[in-house]
PDB file of N, CA and C in Angstrom:
ATOM      1  N   MET A   1     142.105 -20.926 137.613  1.00  0.00           N
ATOM      2  CA  MET A   1     142.266 -20.358 138.935  1.00  0.00           C
ATOM      3  C   MET A   1     140.889 -19.884 139.404  1.00  0.00           C
ATOM      4  N   LEU A   2     140.545 -20.322 140.618  1.00  0.00           N
ATOM      5  CA  LEU A   2     139.261 -19.937 141.198  1.00  0.00           C
ATOM      6  C   LEU A   2     139.487 -19.106 142.451  1.00  0.00           C
ATOM      7  N   THR A   3     138.636 -18.182 142.684  1.00  0.00           N
ATOM      8  CA  THR A   3     138.596 -17.351 143.898  1.00  0.00           C
ATOM      9  C   THR A   3     139.953 -16.786 144.324  1.00  0.00           C
ATOM     10  N   PRO A   4     140.667 -16.112 143.422  1.00  0.00           N
ATOM     11  CA  PRO A   4     141.948 -15.529 143.851  1.00  0.00           C
ATOM     12  C   PRO A   4     141.729 -14.385 144.841  1.00  0.00           C
ATOM     13  N   VAL A   5     142.572 -14.355 145.868  1.00  0.00           N
ATOM     14  CA  VAL A   5     142.550 -13.284 146.864  1.00  0.00           C
ATOM     15  C   VAL A   5     143.966 -12.742 146.965  1.00  0.00           C
ATOM     16  N   VAL A   6     144.116 -11.433 146.736  1.00  0.00           N
ATOM     17  CA  VAL A   6     145.434 -10.798 146.777  1.00  0.00           C
ATOM     18  C   VAL A   6     145.507  -9.883 147.994  1.00  0.00           C
ATOM     19  N   HIS A   7     146.578 -10.024 148.747  1.00  0.00           N
ATOM     20  CA  HIS A   7     146.844  -9.157 149.898  1.00  0.00           C
ATOM     21  C   HIS A   7     148.125  -8.386 149.612  1.00  0.00           C
ATOM     22  N   ALA A   8     148.025  -7.063 149.502  1.00  0.00           N
ATOM     23  CA  ALA A   8     149.222  -6.233 149.363  1.00  0.00           C
ATOM     24  C   ALA A   8     149.895  -6.147 150.724  1.00  0.00           C
ATOM     25  N   LEU A   9     151.197  -6.368 150.735  1.00  0.00           N
ATOM     26  CA  LEU A   9     151.974  -6.335 151.977  1.00  0.00           C
ATOM     27  C   LEU A   9     152.985  -5.205 151.893  1.00  0.00           C
ATOM     28  N   GLY A  10     152.521  -4.028 151.558  1.00  0.00           N
ATOM     29  CA  GLY A  10     153.402  -2.892 151.346  1.00  0.00           C
ATOM     30  C   GLY A  10     153.580  -2.652 149.860  1.00  0.00           C
ATOM     31  N   ASP A  11     154.561  -1.807 149.521  1.00  0.00           N
ATOM     32  CA  ASP A  11     154.794  -1.457 148.119  1.00  0.00           C
ATOM     33  C   ASP A  11     155.569  -2.522 147.356  1.00  0.00           C
ATOM     34  N   ASP A  12     156.240  -3.422 148.074  1.00  0.00           N
ATOM     35  CA  ASP A  12     157.116  -4.354 147.375  1.00  0.00           C
ATOM     36  C   ASP A  12     156.842  -5.824 147.688  1.00  0.00           C
ATOM     37  N   SER A  13     155.692  -6.126 148.286  1.00  0.00           N
ATOM     38  CA  SER A  13     155.358  -7.517 148.599  1.00  0.00           C
ATOM     39  C   SER A  13     153.860  -7.742 148.463  1.00  0.00           C
ATOM     40  N   ALA A  14     153.503  -8.968 148.095  1.00  0.00           N
ATOM     41  CA  ALA A  14     152.093  -9.337 147.974  1.00  0.00           C
ATOM     42  C   ALA A  14     151.950 -10.837 148.176  1.00  0.00           C
ATOM     43  N   CYS A  15     150.762 -11.224 148.602  1.00  0.00           N
ATOM     44  CA  CYS A  15     150.440 -12.638 148.796  1.00  0.00           C
ATOM     45  C   CYS A  15     149.155 -12.917 148.024  1.00  0.00           C
ATOM     46  N   ILE A  16     149.143 -13.994 147.244  1.00  0.00           N
ATOM     47  CA  ILE A  16     147.939 -14.395 146.524  1.00  0.00           C
ATOM     48  C   ILE A  16     147.591 -15.826 146.928  1.00  0.00           C
ATOM     49  N   ALA A  17     146.331 -16.045 147.233  1.00  0.00           N
ATOM     50  CA  ALA A  17     145.830 -17.377 147.575  1.00  0.00           C
ATOM     51  C   ALA A  17     144.677 -17.684 146.625  1.00  0.00           C
ATOM     52  N   TYR A  18     144.610 -18.929 146.159  1.00  0.00           N
ATOM     53  CA  TYR A  18     143.586 -19.295 145.181  1.00  0.00           C
ATOM     54  C   TYR A  18     143.391 -20.804 145.165  1.00  0.00           C
ATOM     55  N   VAL A  19     142.352 -21.226 144.490  1.00  0.00           N
ATOM     56  CA  VAL A  19     142.072 -22.638 144.261  1.00  0.00           C
ATOM     57  C   VAL A  19     142.416 -22.929 142.806  1.00  0.00           C
ATOM     58  N   LEU A  20     143.200 -23.979 142.596  1.00  0.00           N
ATOM     59  CA  LEU A  20     143.551 -24.411 141.243  1.00  0.00           C
ATOM     60  C   LEU A  20     142.689 -25.618 140.911  1.00  0.00           C
ATOM     61  N   LEU A  21     141.956 -25.547 139.815  1.00  0.00           N
ATOM     62  CA  LEU A  21     141.107 -26.650 139.375  1.00  0.00           C
ATOM     63  C   LEU A  21     141.588 -27.095 138.004  1.00  0.00           C
ATOM     64  N   LEU A  22     142.020 -28.342 137.922  1.00  0.00           N
ATOM     65  CA  LEU A  22     142.498 -28.910 136.663  1.00  0.00           C
ATOM     66  C   LEU A  22     141.525 -29.997 136.248  1.00  0.00           C
ATOM     67  N   GLN A  23     141.038 -29.929 135.017  1.00  0.00           N
ATOM     68  CA  GLN A  23     140.108 -30.925 134.508  1.00  0.00           C
ATOM     69  C   GLN A  23     140.711 -31.576 133.276  1.00  0.00           C
ATOM     70  N   PHE A  24     140.554 -32.904 133.167  1.00  0.00           N
ATOM     71  CA  PHE A  24     141.145 -33.640 132.048  1.00  0.00           C
ATOM     72  C   PHE A  24     140.384 -34.945 131.856  1.00  0.00           C
ATOM     73  N   LEU A  25     140.682 -35.639 130.749  1.00  0.00           N
ATOM     74  CA  LEU A  25     140.105 -36.955 130.486  1.00  0.00           C
ATOM     75  C   LEU A  25     141.143 -38.009 130.824  1.00  0.00           C
ATOM     76  N   ASP A  26     140.747 -39.041 131.578  1.00  0.00           N
ATOM     77  CA  ASP A  26     141.689 -40.104 131.927  1.00  0.00           C
ATOM     78  C   ASP A  26     141.848 -41.076 130.758  1.00  0.00           C
ATOM     79  N   ARG A  27     142.595 -42.158 130.986  1.00  0.00           N
ATOM     80  CA  ARG A  27     142.887 -43.096 129.896  1.00  0.00           C
ATOM     81  C   ARG A  27     141.636 -43.772 129.355  1.00  0.00           C
ATOM     82  N   ASN A  28     140.555 -43.767 130.107  1.00  0.00           N
ATOM     83  CA  ASN A  28     139.295 -44.354 129.653  1.00  0.00           C
ATOM     84  C   ASN A  28     138.347 -43.316 129.075  1.00  0.00           C
ATOM     85  N   GLY A  29     138.833 -42.092 128.938  1.00  0.00           N
ATOM     86  CA  GLY A  29     138.003 -41.026 128.403  1.00  0.00           C
ATOM     87  C   GLY A  29     137.027 -40.442 129.405  1.00  0.00           C
ATOM     88  N   GLN A  30     137.198 -40.777 130.678  1.00  0.00           N
ATOM     89  CA  GLN A  30     136.310 -40.270 131.721  1.00  0.00           C
ATOM     90  C   GLN A  30     136.821 -38.932 132.246  1.00  0.00           C
ATOM     91  N   PRO A  31     135.935 -37.970 132.431  1.00  0.00           N
ATOM     92  CA  PRO A  31     136.373 -36.674 132.962  1.00  0.00           C
ATOM     93  C   PRO A  31     136.842 -36.797 134.414  1.00  0.00           C
ATOM     94  N   GLN A  32     137.926 -36.123 134.719  1.00  0.00           N
ATOM     95  CA  GLN A  32     138.500 -36.105 136.064  1.00  0.00           C
ATOM     96  C   GLN A  32     138.756 -34.656 136.464  1.00  0.00           C
ATOM     97  N   SER A  33     138.743 -34.398 137.748  1.00  0.00           N
ATOM     98  CA  SER A  33     139.054 -33.068 138.275  1.00  0.00           C
ATOM     99  C   SER A  33     140.021 -33.207 139.438  1.00  0.00           C
ATOM    100  N   VAL A  34     140.973 -32.299 139.504  1.00  0.00           N
ATOM    101  CA  VAL A  34     141.911 -32.225 140.619  1.00  0.00           C
ATOM    102  C   VAL A  34     141.814 -30.808 141.168  1.00  0.00           C
ATOM    103  N   ARG A  35     141.618 -30.699 142.478  1.00  0.00           N
ATOM    104  CA  ARG A  35     141.473 -29.391 143.127  1.00  0.00           C
ATOM    105  C   ARG A  35     142.545 -29.255 144.195  1.00  0.00           C
ATOM    106  N   THR A  36     143.307 -28.171 144.140  1.00  0.00           N
ATOM    107  CA  THR A  36     144.301 -27.884 145.170  1.00  0.00           C
ATOM    108  C   THR A  36     144.187 -26.415 145.563  1.00  0.00           C
ATOM    109  N   GLU A  37     144.636 -26.117 146.764  1.00  0.00           N
ATOM    110  CA  GLU A  37     144.698 -24.727 147.221  1.00  0.00           C
ATOM    111  C   GLU A  37     146.161 -24.307 147.175  1.00  0.00           C
ATOM    112  N   GLU A  38     146.423 -23.140 146.615  1.00  0.00           N
ATOM    113  CA  GLU A  38     147.797 -22.658 146.492  1.00  0.00           C
ATOM    114  C   GLU A  38     147.932 -21.250 147.059  1.00  0.00           C
ATOM    115  N   THR A  39     149.114 -20.977 147.580  1.00  0.00           N
ATOM    116  CA  THR A  39     149.469 -19.651 148.076  1.00  0.00           C
ATOM    117  C   THR A  39     150.844 -19.302 147.538  1.00  0.00           C
ATOM    118  N   ARG A  40     150.990 -18.079 147.071  1.00  0.00           N
ATOM    119  CA  ARG A  40     152.289 -17.591 146.595  1.00  0.00           C
ATOM    120  C   ARG A  40     152.566 -16.231 147.227  1.00  0.00           C
ATOM    121  N   VAL A  41     153.796 -16.046 147.654  1.00  0.00           N
ATOM    122  CA  VAL A  41     154.239 -14.760 148.188  1.00  0.00           C
ATOM    123  C   VAL A  41     155.225 -14.176 147.185  1.00  0.00           C
ATOM    124  N   TRP A  42     154.967 -12.935 146.799  1.00  0.00           N
ATOM    125  CA  TRP A  42     155.787 -12.250 145.796  1.00  0.00           C
ATOM    126  C   TRP A  42     156.509 -11.067 146.428  1.00  0.00           C
ATOM    127  N   HIS A  43     157.713 -10.808 145.945  1.00  0.00           N
ATOM    128  CA  HIS A  43     158.518  -9.679 146.424  1.00  0.00           C
ATOM    129  C   HIS A  43     159.087  -8.952 145.209  1.00  0.00           C
ATOM    130  N   LYS A  44     158.968  -7.637 145.215  1.00  0.00           N
ATOM    131  CA  LYS A  44     159.476  -6.829 144.112  1.00  0.00           C
ATOM    132  C   LYS A  44     160.905  -6.398 144.420  1.00  0.00           C
ATOM    133  N   LYS A  45     161.822  -6.772 143.540  1.00  0.00           N
ATOM    134  CA  LYS A  45     163.234  -6.423 143.702  1.00  0.00           C
ATOM    135  C   LYS A  45     163.772  -5.972 142.357  1.00  0.00           C
ATOM    136  N   ASP A  46     164.385  -4.801 142.342  1.00  0.00           N
ATOM    137  CA  ASP A  46     164.938  -4.238 141.100  1.00  0.00           C
ATOM    138  C   ASP A  46     163.886  -4.186 139.992  1.00  0.00           C
ATOM    139  N   SER A  47     162.693  -3.723 140.324  1.00  0.00           N
ATOM    140  CA  SER A  47     161.577  -3.546 139.380  1.00  0.00           C
ATOM    141  C   SER A  47     161.033  -4.857 138.815  1.00  0.00           C
ATOM    142  N   ARG A  48     161.379  -5.991 139.428  1.00  0.00           N
ATOM    143  CA  ARG A  48     160.868  -7.288 138.970  1.00  0.00           C
ATOM    144  C   ARG A  48     160.195  -8.001 140.133  1.00  0.00           C
ATOM    145  N   TRP A  49     159.067  -8.644 139.851  1.00  0.00           N
ATOM    146  CA  TRP A  49     158.362  -9.422 140.868  1.00  0.00           C
ATOM    147  C   TRP A  49     158.885 -10.853 140.856  1.00  0.00           C
ATOM    148  N   LEU A  50     159.303 -11.328 142.040  1.00  0.00           N
ATOM    149  CA  LEU A  50     159.840 -12.676 142.185  1.00  0.00           C
ATOM    150  C   LEU A  50     158.980 -13.460 143.176  1.00  0.00           C
ATOM    151  N   CYS A  51     158.676 -14.698 142.845  1.00  0.00           N
ATOM    152  CA  CYS A  51     157.957 -15.561 143.776  1.00  0.00           C
ATOM    153  C   CYS A  51     158.974 -16.078 144.791  1.00  0.00           C
ATOM    154  N   VAL A  52     158.785 -15.711 146.054  1.00  0.00           N
ATOM    155  CA  VAL A  52     159.748 -16.092 147.092  1.00  0.00           C
ATOM    156  C   VAL A  52     159.224 -17.219 147.984  1.00  0.00           C
ATOM    157  N   HIS A  53     157.950 -17.567 147.843  1.00  0.00           N
ATOM    158  CA  HIS A  53     157.401 -18.686 148.614  1.00  0.00           C
ATOM    159  C   HIS A  53     156.197 -19.252 147.879  1.00  0.00           C
ATOM    160  N   PHE A  54     156.078 -20.586 147.897  1.00  0.00           N
ATOM    161  CA  PHE A  54     154.958 -21.276 147.262  1.00  0.00           C
ATOM    162  C   PHE A  54     154.510 -22.408 148.177  1.00  0.00           C
ATOM    163  N   HIS A  55     153.191 -22.566 148.330  1.00  0.00           N
ATOM    164  CA  HIS A  55     152.645 -23.671 149.121  1.00  0.00           C
ATOM    165  C   HIS A  55     151.418 -24.229 148.416  1.00  0.00           C
ATOM    166  N   ARG A  56     151.309 -25.572 148.396  1.00  0.00           N
ATOM    167  CA  ARG A  56     150.138 -26.229 147.810  1.00  0.00           C
ATOM    168  C   ARG A  56     149.585 -27.223 148.818  1.00  0.00           C
ATOM    169  N   SER A  57     148.273 -27.203 149.011  1.00  0.00           N
ATOM    170  CA  SER A  57     147.587 -28.179 149.860  1.00  0.00           C
ATOM    171  C   SER A  57     146.721 -29.056 148.977  1.00  0.00           C
ATOM    172  N   GLY A  58     146.621 -30.306 149.343  1.00  0.00           N
ATOM    173  CA  GLY A  58     145.839 -31.236 148.546  1.00  0.00           C
ATOM    174  C   GLY A  58     146.757 -32.131 147.749  1.00  0.00           C
ATOM    175  N   MET A  59     146.166 -33.030 146.967  1.00  0.00           N
ATOM    176  CA  MET A  59     146.953 -33.971 146.183  1.00  0.00           C
ATOM    177  C   MET A  59     147.752 -33.232 145.116  1.00  0.00           C
ATOM    178  N   PRO A  60     149.048 -33.521 145.002  1.00  0.00           N
ATOM    179  CA  PRO A  60     149.823 -32.891 143.929  1.00  0.00           C
ATOM    180  C   PRO A  60     149.203 -33.204 142.570  1.00  0.00           C
ATOM    181  N   VAL A  61     149.151 -32.225 141.711  1.00  0.00           N
ATOM    182  CA  VAL A  61     148.498 -32.362 140.410  1.00  0.00           C
ATOM    183  C   VAL A  61     149.109 -33.502 139.606  1.00  0.00           C
ATOM    184  N   ALA A  62     150.437 -33.574 139.520  1.00  0.00           N
ATOM    185  CA  ALA A  62     151.095 -34.614 138.727  1.00  0.00           C
ATOM    186  C   ALA A  62     150.749 -36.008 139.251  1.00  0.00           C
ATOM    187  N   THR A  63     150.683 -36.177 140.553  1.00  0.00           N
ATOM    188  CA  THR A  63     150.344 -37.476 141.146  1.00  0.00           C
ATOM    189  C   THR A  63     148.923 -37.881 140.779  1.00  0.00           C
ATOM    190  N   ALA A  64     148.008 -36.944 140.830  1.00  0.00           N
ATOM    191  CA  ALA A  64     146.610 -37.237 140.506  1.00  0.00           C
ATOM    192  C   ALA A  64     146.458 -37.637 139.045  1.00  0.00           C
ATOM    193  N   ILE A  65     147.145 -36.934 138.159  1.00  0.00           N
ATOM    194  CA  ILE A  65     147.058 -37.262 136.732  1.00  0.00           C
ATOM    195  C   ILE A  65     147.675 -38.628 136.478  1.00  0.00           C
ATOM    196  N   LYS A  66     148.849 -38.871 137.037  1.00  0.00           N
ATOM    197  CA  LYS A  66     149.522 -40.158 136.848  1.00  0.00           C
ATOM    198  C   LYS A  66     148.646 -41.297 137.354  1.00  0.00           C
ATOM    199  N   ALA A  67     148.027 -41.130 138.513  1.00  0.00           N
ATOM    200  CA  ALA A  67     147.174 -42.177 139.083  1.00  0.00           C
ATOM    201  C   ALA A  67     145.982 -42.478 138.181  1.00  0.00           C
ATOM    202  N   SER A  68     145.464 -41.480 137.496  1.00  0.00           N
ATOM    203  CA  SER A  68     144.291 -41.691 136.649  1.00  0.00           C
ATOM    204  C   SER A  68     144.630 -42.460 135.385  1.00  0.00           C
ATOM    205  N   PHE A  69     145.918 -42.562 135.041  1.00  0.00           N
ATOM    206  CA  PHE A  69     146.333 -43.268 133.837  1.00  0.00           C
ATOM    207  C   PHE A  69     146.933 -44.639 134.146  1.00  0.00           C
ATOM    208  N   GLN A  70     146.966 -45.043 135.414  1.00  0.00           N
ATOM    209  CA  GLN A  70     147.496 -46.354 135.782  1.00  0.00           C
ATOM    210  C   GLN A  70     146.534 -47.438 135.307  1.00  0.00           C
ATOM    211  N   PRO A  71     147.093 -48.547 134.787  1.00  0.00           N
ATOM    212  CA  PRO A  71     146.213 -49.647 134.378  1.00  0.00           C
ATOM    213  C   PRO A  71     145.479 -50.219 135.589  1.00  0.00           C
ATOM    214  N   THR A  72     144.263 -50.620 135.369  1.00  0.00           N
ATOM    215  CA  THR A  72     143.486 -51.219 136.450  1.00  0.00           C
ATOM    216  C   THR A  72     143.580 -52.731 136.341  1.00  0.00           C
ATOM    217  N   SER A  73     143.672 -53.415 137.472  1.00  0.00           N
ATOM    218  CA  SER A  73     143.755 -54.878 137.461  1.00  0.00           C
ATOM    219  C   SER A  73     142.349 -55.456 137.501  1.00  0.00           C
ATOM    220  N   MET A  74     142.188 -56.585 136.902  1.00  0.00           N
ATOM    221  CA  MET A  74     140.882 -57.244 136.854  1.00  0.00           C
ATOM    222  C   MET A  74     140.807 -58.306 137.905  1.00  0.00           C
TER     223      MET A  74
END
């Protein structure tokens, strides 16, 4: 998680925005990086924090990883 920013929205709500950076080796052993921006809104209910909203911008992480392992045609 890079550059997390937390906004308190009262005593029982908060919003966190951050950049998610995932790094891995593809099927050829080449390093790959996937970067997405995420936002989560949390609400405290009965002394427990629950994520009530989630948003991701950019290529979905699973799609990027799957694409990096697809066979290449010659």
